Protein backbone atom coordinates (compact mmCIF):
# COMPACT_ATOMS: atom_id res chain seq x y z
CA MET A 1 0.00 0.00 0.00
CA LYS A 2 1.22 3.47 -0.81
CA SER A 3 1.70 6.17 1.77
CA ARG A 4 -0.58 9.21 1.84
CA SER A 5 2.13 11.35 0.28
CA GLN A 6 2.86 9.09 -2.71
CA ALA A 7 1.31 9.76 -6.10
CA ALA A 8 -1.42 7.41 -7.27
CA ARG A 9 -3.12 7.36 -10.66
CA PHE A 10 -6.58 6.01 -11.48
CA GLY A 11 -7.28 5.27 -15.12
CA VAL A 12 -10.93 5.60 -16.14
CA LEU A 13 -11.55 3.51 -19.27
CA ILE A 14 -14.35 4.82 -21.49
CA TYR A 15 -15.81 3.84 -24.87
CA PRO A 16 -18.71 5.00 -27.08
CA ASP A 17 -22.09 4.93 -25.29
CA VAL A 18 -20.60 4.59 -21.80
CA GLU A 19 -22.86 6.04 -19.10
CA PRO A 20 -21.86 9.59 -18.14
CA ILE A 21 -22.63 8.90 -14.47
CA ASP A 22 -20.09 6.06 -14.44
CA VAL A 23 -17.40 8.38 -15.79
CA GLY A 24 -18.37 11.44 -13.75
CA GLY A 25 -18.90 9.46 -10.57
CA THR A 26 -15.52 7.77 -10.83
CA VAL A 27 -13.61 10.93 -11.69
CA GLY A 28 -15.64 12.83 -9.08
CA VAL A 29 -14.68 10.43 -6.29
CA VAL A 30 -11.00 10.85 -7.16
CA SER A 31 -11.47 14.62 -7.30
CA MET A 32 -13.06 14.69 -3.84
CA ALA A 33 -10.41 12.34 -2.42
CA ARG A 34 -7.72 14.70 -3.72
CA ARG A 35 -8.73 17.11 -0.97
CA VAL A 36 -7.30 14.66 1.55
CA LEU A 37 -4.76 12.91 -0.69
CA PRO A 38 -3.44 15.64 -3.01
CA GLU A 39 -1.26 13.28 -5.03
CA LEU A 40 -4.22 11.36 -6.52
CA GLN A 41 -4.87 11.71 -10.24
CA ALA A 42 -7.56 10.48 -12.61
CA THR A 43 -6.80 9.93 -16.30
CA VAL A 44 -9.61 9.29 -18.80
CA ILE A 45 -8.46 6.61 -21.25
CA ALA A 46 -10.19 5.44 -24.46
CA ARG A 47 -9.39 3.17 -27.39
CA ARG A 48 -7.99 6.21 -29.17
CA LEU A 49 -7.03 9.68 -28.01
CA GLY A 50 -9.74 12.21 -28.74
CA PRO A 51 -13.47 12.78 -28.30
CA VAL A 52 -15.73 9.92 -27.25
CA ARG A 53 -19.53 10.19 -27.49
CA LEU A 54 -21.12 8.95 -24.29
CA ALA A 55 -24.70 7.73 -23.85
CA GLY A 56 -27.06 10.69 -24.15
CA GLY A 57 -24.73 12.58 -26.49
CA LEU A 58 -22.19 14.09 -24.08
CA ARG A 59 -18.68 14.09 -25.53
CA VAL A 60 -15.58 13.59 -23.41
CA HIS A 61 -12.01 14.06 -24.60
CA ALA A 62 -9.87 11.05 -23.74
CA ASP A 63 -6.22 11.83 -23.35
CA PRO A 64 -4.59 9.34 -23.76
CA GLY A 65 -5.60 6.38 -25.88
CA ILE A 66 -4.80 2.86 -24.70
CA ASP A 67 -1.63 2.75 -26.81
CA THR A 68 -0.10 5.66 -24.85
CA ALA A 69 -1.84 5.23 -21.50
CA PRO A 70 0.41 5.84 -18.50
CA ASP A 71 0.92 3.22 -15.83
CA CYS A 72 -2.03 3.36 -13.49
CA ASP A 73 -2.39 2.00 -10.00
CA VAL A 74 -5.98 1.04 -10.86
CA VAL A 75 -7.92 1.13 -14.12
CA VAL A 76 -11.68 1.42 -13.64
CA VAL A 77 -13.74 0.15 -16.59
CA CYS A 78 -16.99 2.09 -16.80
CA GLY A 79 -20.33 0.60 -17.85
CA GLY A 80 -22.90 1.59 -20.42
CA ALA A 81 -24.90 0.48 -23.43
CA GLY A 82 -21.75 0.26 -25.56
CA TRP A 83 -20.27 -2.56 -23.49
CA PRO A 84 -20.93 -5.32 -26.09
CA GLN A 85 -18.87 -3.48 -28.71
CA ALA A 86 -16.11 -2.70 -26.20
CA ALA A 87 -16.12 -6.35 -25.06
CA ALA A 88 -15.49 -7.39 -28.68
CA ASP A 89 -12.70 -4.85 -29.27
CA GLN A 90 -9.49 -6.85 -29.31
CA ALA A 91 -7.31 -3.79 -28.66
CA ILE A 92 -9.25 -2.96 -25.49
CA LEU A 93 -9.18 -6.59 -24.35
CA SER A 94 -5.44 -6.82 -24.98
CA TYR A 95 -4.88 -3.63 -22.98
CA LEU A 96 -6.86 -5.04 -20.05
CA ARG A 97 -5.04 -8.39 -20.21
CA GLY A 98 -1.77 -6.49 -19.88
CA LEU A 99 -2.80 -5.04 -16.51
CA ARG A 100 -2.25 -6.71 -13.15
CA PRO A 101 -5.54 -8.32 -12.03
CA GLU A 102 -5.40 -6.42 -8.75
CA ALA A 103 -5.11 -3.18 -10.73
CA VAL A 104 -8.56 -3.37 -12.37
CA ALA A 105 -12.05 -2.52 -11.21
CA SER A 106 -15.39 -2.00 -12.90
CA VAL A 107 -18.57 -0.04 -12.59
CA CYS A 108 -21.74 -1.87 -13.62
CA THR A 109 -21.42 -3.48 -17.09
CA GLY A 110 -17.73 -2.62 -17.21
CA ALA A 111 -17.46 -6.08 -15.62
CA MET A 112 -18.65 -7.57 -18.91
CA ILE A 113 -15.59 -6.09 -20.62
CA LEU A 114 -13.27 -7.39 -17.89
CA ALA A 115 -14.93 -10.79 -18.30
CA ALA A 116 -14.37 -10.74 -22.07
CA ALA A 117 -10.70 -10.03 -21.40
CA GLY A 118 -10.54 -13.06 -19.10
CA VAL A 119 -9.59 -10.89 -16.12
CA LEU A 120 -12.49 -12.19 -14.02
CA ASP A 121 -12.04 -15.92 -14.73
CA GLY A 122 -12.04 -17.88 -11.48
CA ARG A 123 -13.26 -14.89 -9.49
CA ILE A 124 -16.50 -13.71 -7.95
CA ALA A 125 -17.87 -10.64 -9.74
CA THR A 126 -21.01 -8.61 -10.22
CA THR A 127 -22.67 -6.27 -12.68
CA ARG A 128 -26.14 -4.87 -13.40
CA ARG A 129 -28.82 -7.23 -12.13
CA HIS A 130 -31.72 -6.53 -14.51
CA ALA A 131 -32.22 -6.64 -18.27
CA VAL A 132 -33.21 -3.33 -19.85
CA GLY A 133 -34.38 -2.25 -23.29
CA PRO A 134 -33.83 -4.93 -25.92
CA GLU A 135 -31.79 -7.19 -23.60
CA THR A 136 -33.24 -10.69 -23.17
CA ALA A 137 -31.01 -11.51 -20.19
CA SER A 138 -29.48 -9.40 -17.46
CA PRO A 139 -25.74 -8.71 -17.65
CA LEU A 140 -25.42 -10.50 -14.27
CA GLU A 141 -26.93 -13.64 -15.82
CA LEU A 142 -24.65 -13.35 -18.87
CA LEU A 143 -21.60 -12.85 -16.64
CA GLY A 144 -22.17 -16.20 -14.94
CA ARG A 145 -23.19 -18.30 -17.98
CA SER A 146 -19.76 -19.70 -18.83
CA GLY A 147 -19.17 -20.96 -15.31
CA ALA A 148 -15.74 -19.30 -15.26
CA ILE A 149 -17.05 -16.49 -13.04
CA GLN A 150 -19.15 -16.87 -9.90
CA THR A 151 -21.66 -14.00 -9.65
CA ALA A 152 -23.13 -12.09 -6.73
CA ALA A 153 -25.33 -9.00 -6.43
CA ALA A 154 -24.19 -5.52 -5.28
CA GLN A 155 -20.43 -5.09 -4.76
CA VAL A 156 -17.73 -7.75 -4.82
CA VAL A 157 -14.06 -7.59 -3.85
CA ASP A 158 -12.19 -10.77 -4.85
CA ALA A 159 -8.42 -10.82 -4.44
CA ASP A 160 -8.35 -7.03 -4.80
CA VAL A 161 -10.44 -6.97 -8.02
CA VAL A 162 -13.49 -4.78 -7.37
CA THR A 163 -16.71 -4.97 -9.39
CA GLY A 164 -19.91 -3.05 -8.66
CA GLY A 165 -23.36 -3.87 -9.89
CA GLY A 166 -26.00 -1.57 -8.51
CA CYS A 167 -27.71 -0.53 -5.35
CA ARG A 168 -30.85 -0.64 -3.28
CA SER A 169 -31.77 2.49 -1.43
CA ARG A 170 -34.79 4.59 -0.49
CA LEU A 171 -34.03 6.88 -3.43
CA MET A 172 -33.65 4.11 -6.00
CA PRO A 173 -35.49 1.05 -4.67
CA ARG A 174 -34.97 -0.98 -7.83
CA CYS A 175 -31.66 -0.10 -9.42
CA ILE A 176 -30.89 -1.73 -12.73
């Protein structure tokens, strides 16, 4: 574990149609934490350097692309409707396979991309629990189909790999 005074970098991996809340929430947590740990950094990474259109039309500039991404202490893979395309992108999967398993985390369907890269094999993981829109199965069901990954609802930490899949609260009694 690093000391409070050492620099730490969080990579936030995005792709077309990622959910803005996954990106903003992740970068926002690092931003808030910087008040206590001033050496924290967040770097938004995409397949290629440049603008990425998120779900709902917001555009975010990724700097860098995966080919020039700096070493990160943790890379957080965000979720969103574009996960099937990202999970089929061999360059993204290769990038994720090159990371230490304890240096990856996911938000929601970002776990599906980690699973496609093989990073979650033999681990317990989670993702969104309900099917939405045209989906015929929930991502959580899909995550567990191969048998290589044991699934659980909510948040899972397995050998330092963190995956998050939703919530239950008074404000959002049935999160997707």
